Structure formats: C-alpha cells, structure tokens
Amino acid sequence: MPKLPSIKSDVLLNFFYFQGFILDHITGSHYILYHPKIFKRAVIPYNKKDLPKGTVLAILRESGFSRKDLIEFLTKK
C-alpha cells in the first residue's frame, strides 16, 4: 500500500464533502462535519499547514474510512 502523502486541511475537507458529509458547525479552528445517513461525525482542524499523518489516520478511523479510501480519492484528482 502506498504511503499516505502530506495533506492539508482543505484537501481532507474536500474528501469528506465528496463522501457525503455536510458542515454542521465551526468551533474555533475546527470544522465539525456530519453525515446524515450513517450518523457519523468528523472533526477536522483547519490551518494552512500540513496535518500530521497520525491525526489524519485518526480522523479517518473515527469516521469509518480507511487510508485506501483517501489515497483513491487523491489519485482521482
């Protein structure tokens, strides 16, 4: 499996929007997204720097996605 590349917050937000998540609200610098059909939430910190890979993996795991799903999304672009 290929390594997870460095990802910025806006790319991760686009991934979740593509998967059907909608913006629930913003608290400080965190975007809270919600999926109305699978009832999952994703909390994404928003800044201009690359997100740490452990943080990206934890966000994916919490919302029910795998590293493979994100890499497939990135290669389709």
C-alpha atoms as a PDB file:
ATOM      1  CA  MET A   1       0.000   0.000   0.000  1.00  0.00           C
ATOM      2  CA  PRO A   2       1.413   3.419  -0.878  1.00  0.00           C
ATOM      3  CA  LYS A   3       2.395   5.812   1.843  1.00  0.00           C
ATOM      4  CA  LEU A   4      -0.021   8.500   2.910  1.00  0.00           C
ATOM      5  CA  PRO A   5       1.107  11.817   1.409  1.00  0.00           C
ATOM      6  CA  SER A   6       1.160  15.096   3.302  1.00  0.00           C
ATOM      7  CA  ILE A   7      -2.357  16.521   3.346  1.00  0.00           C
ATOM      8  CA  LYS A   8      -3.681  19.977   4.069  1.00  0.00           C
ATOM      9  CA  SER A   9      -6.982  20.557   5.847  1.00  0.00           C
ATOM     10  CA  ASP A  10      -8.818  21.776   2.753  1.00  0.00           C
ATOM     11  CA  VAL A  11      -7.989  18.556   0.859  1.00  0.00           C
ATOM     12  CA  LEU A  12      -9.291  16.469   3.761  1.00  0.00           C
ATOM     13  CA  LEU A  13     -12.438  18.612   3.890  1.00  0.00           C
ATOM     14  CA  ASN A  14     -12.984  18.014   0.164  1.00  0.00           C
ATOM     15  CA  PHE A  15     -12.641  14.258   0.734  1.00  0.00           C
ATOM     16  CA  PHE A  16     -15.353  14.306   3.380  1.00  0.00           C
ATOM     17  CA  TYR A  17     -17.636  16.530   1.289  1.00  0.00           C
ATOM     18  CA  PHE A  18     -17.189  14.075  -1.604  1.00  0.00           C
ATOM     19  CA  GLN A  19     -18.197  11.211   0.717  1.00  0.00           C
ATOM     20  CA  GLY A  20     -21.479  12.972   1.580  1.00  0.00           C
ATOM     21  CA  PHE A  21     -20.617  14.786   4.790  1.00  0.00           C
ATOM     22  CA  ILE A  22     -22.081  18.237   5.370  1.00  0.00           C
ATOM     23  CA  LEU A  23     -20.804  21.079   7.522  1.00  0.00           C
ATOM     24  CA  ASP A  24     -22.594  21.020  10.865  1.00  0.00           C
ATOM     25  CA  HIS A  25     -20.790  23.927  12.514  1.00  0.00           C
ATOM     26  CA  ILE A  26     -17.411  25.547  13.108  1.00  0.00           C
ATOM     27  CA  THR A  27     -15.959  25.876  16.585  1.00  0.00           C
ATOM     28  CA  GLY A  28     -12.812  27.965  16.682  1.00  0.00           C
ATOM     29  CA  SER A  29     -10.486  26.440  14.100  1.00  0.00           C
ATOM     30  CA  HIS A  30     -12.265  23.074  13.911  1.00  0.00           C
ATOM     31  CA  TYR A  31     -14.800  22.105  11.265  1.00  0.00           C
ATOM     32  CA  ILE A  32     -17.405  19.640  12.532  1.00  0.00           C
ATOM     33  CA  LEU A  33     -18.882  17.621   9.677  1.00  0.00           C
ATOM     34  CA  TYR A  34     -21.867  15.285   9.866  1.00  0.00           C
ATOM     35  CA  HIS A  35     -23.168  12.531   7.583  1.00  0.00           C
ATOM     36  CA  PRO A  36     -26.982  12.344   7.768  1.00  0.00           C
ATOM     37  CA  LYS A  37     -27.287   8.735   6.526  1.00  0.00           C
ATOM     38  CA  ILE A  38     -24.595   6.943   8.515  1.00  0.00           C
ATOM     39  CA  PHE A  39     -24.799   9.263  11.558  1.00  0.00           C
ATOM     40  CA  LYS A  40     -21.050   9.803  11.832  1.00  0.00           C
ATOM     41  CA  ARG A  41     -19.163  12.965  12.688  1.00  0.00           C
ATOM     42  CA  ALA A  42     -15.721  14.133  11.661  1.00  0.00           C
ATOM     43  CA  VAL A  43     -13.806  16.899  13.416  1.00  0.00           C
ATOM     44  CA  ILE A  44     -11.150  18.455  11.198  1.00  0.00           C
ATOM     45  CA  PRO A  45      -8.707  21.076  12.499  1.00  0.00           C
ATOM     46  CA  TYR A  46      -8.294  23.857   9.965  1.00  0.00           C
ATOM     47  CA  ASN A  47      -4.943  25.555   9.443  1.00  0.00           C
ATOM     48  CA  LYS A  48      -2.687  26.270   6.478  1.00  0.00           C
ATOM     49  CA  LYS A  49      -0.011  23.722   7.422  1.00  0.00           C
ATOM     50  CA  ASP A  50       0.075  20.035   6.613  1.00  0.00           C
ATOM     51  CA  LEU A  51      -1.816  17.875   9.080  1.00  0.00           C
ATOM     52  CA  PRO A  52       0.201  15.273  10.981  1.00  0.00           C
ATOM     53  CA  LYS A  53      -0.276  11.816   9.456  1.00  0.00           C
ATOM     54  CA  GLY A  54      -1.385  10.323  12.771  1.00  0.00           C
ATOM     55  CA  THR A  55      -4.102  12.962  13.046  1.00  0.00           C
ATOM     56  CA  VAL A  56      -5.330  12.248   9.510  1.00  0.00           C
ATOM     57  CA  LEU A  57      -5.437   8.498  10.210  1.00  0.00           C
ATOM     58  CA  ALA A  58      -7.303   9.043  13.479  1.00  0.00           C
ATOM     59  CA  ILE A  59      -9.901  11.246  11.753  1.00  0.00           C
ATOM     60  CA  LEU A  60     -10.370   8.631   9.019  1.00  0.00           C
ATOM     61  CA  ARG A  61     -10.692   5.768  11.506  1.00  0.00           C
ATOM     62  CA  GLU A  62     -13.176   7.671  13.662  1.00  0.00           C
ATOM     63  CA  SER A  63     -15.402   8.398  10.671  1.00  0.00           C
ATOM     64  CA  GLY A  64     -15.263   4.853   9.264  1.00  0.00           C
ATOM     65  CA  PHE A  65     -12.880   5.311   6.318  1.00  0.00           C
ATOM     66  CA  SER A  66      -9.557   3.710   5.559  1.00  0.00           C
ATOM     67  CA  ARG A  67      -6.249   5.009   4.274  1.00  0.00           C
ATOM     68  CA  LYS A  68      -7.043   3.273   0.971  1.00  0.00           C
ATOM     69  CA  ASP A  69     -10.242   5.352   0.532  1.00  0.00           C
ATOM     70  CA  LEU A  70      -8.311   8.605   0.926  1.00  0.00           C
ATOM     71  CA  ILE A  71      -5.496   7.539  -1.419  1.00  0.00           C
ATOM     72  CA  GLU A  72      -8.042   6.544  -4.091  1.00  0.00           C
ATOM     73  CA  PHE A  73      -9.662   9.974  -3.762  1.00  0.00           C
ATOM     74  CA  LEU A  74      -6.306  11.718  -4.106  1.00  0.00           C
ATOM     75  CA  THR A  75      -5.327   9.766  -7.205  1.00  0.00           C
ATOM     76  CA  LYS A  76      -8.638  10.529  -8.957  1.00  0.00           C
ATOM     77  CA  LYS A  77      -7.931  14.268  -8.875  1.00  0.00           C
END
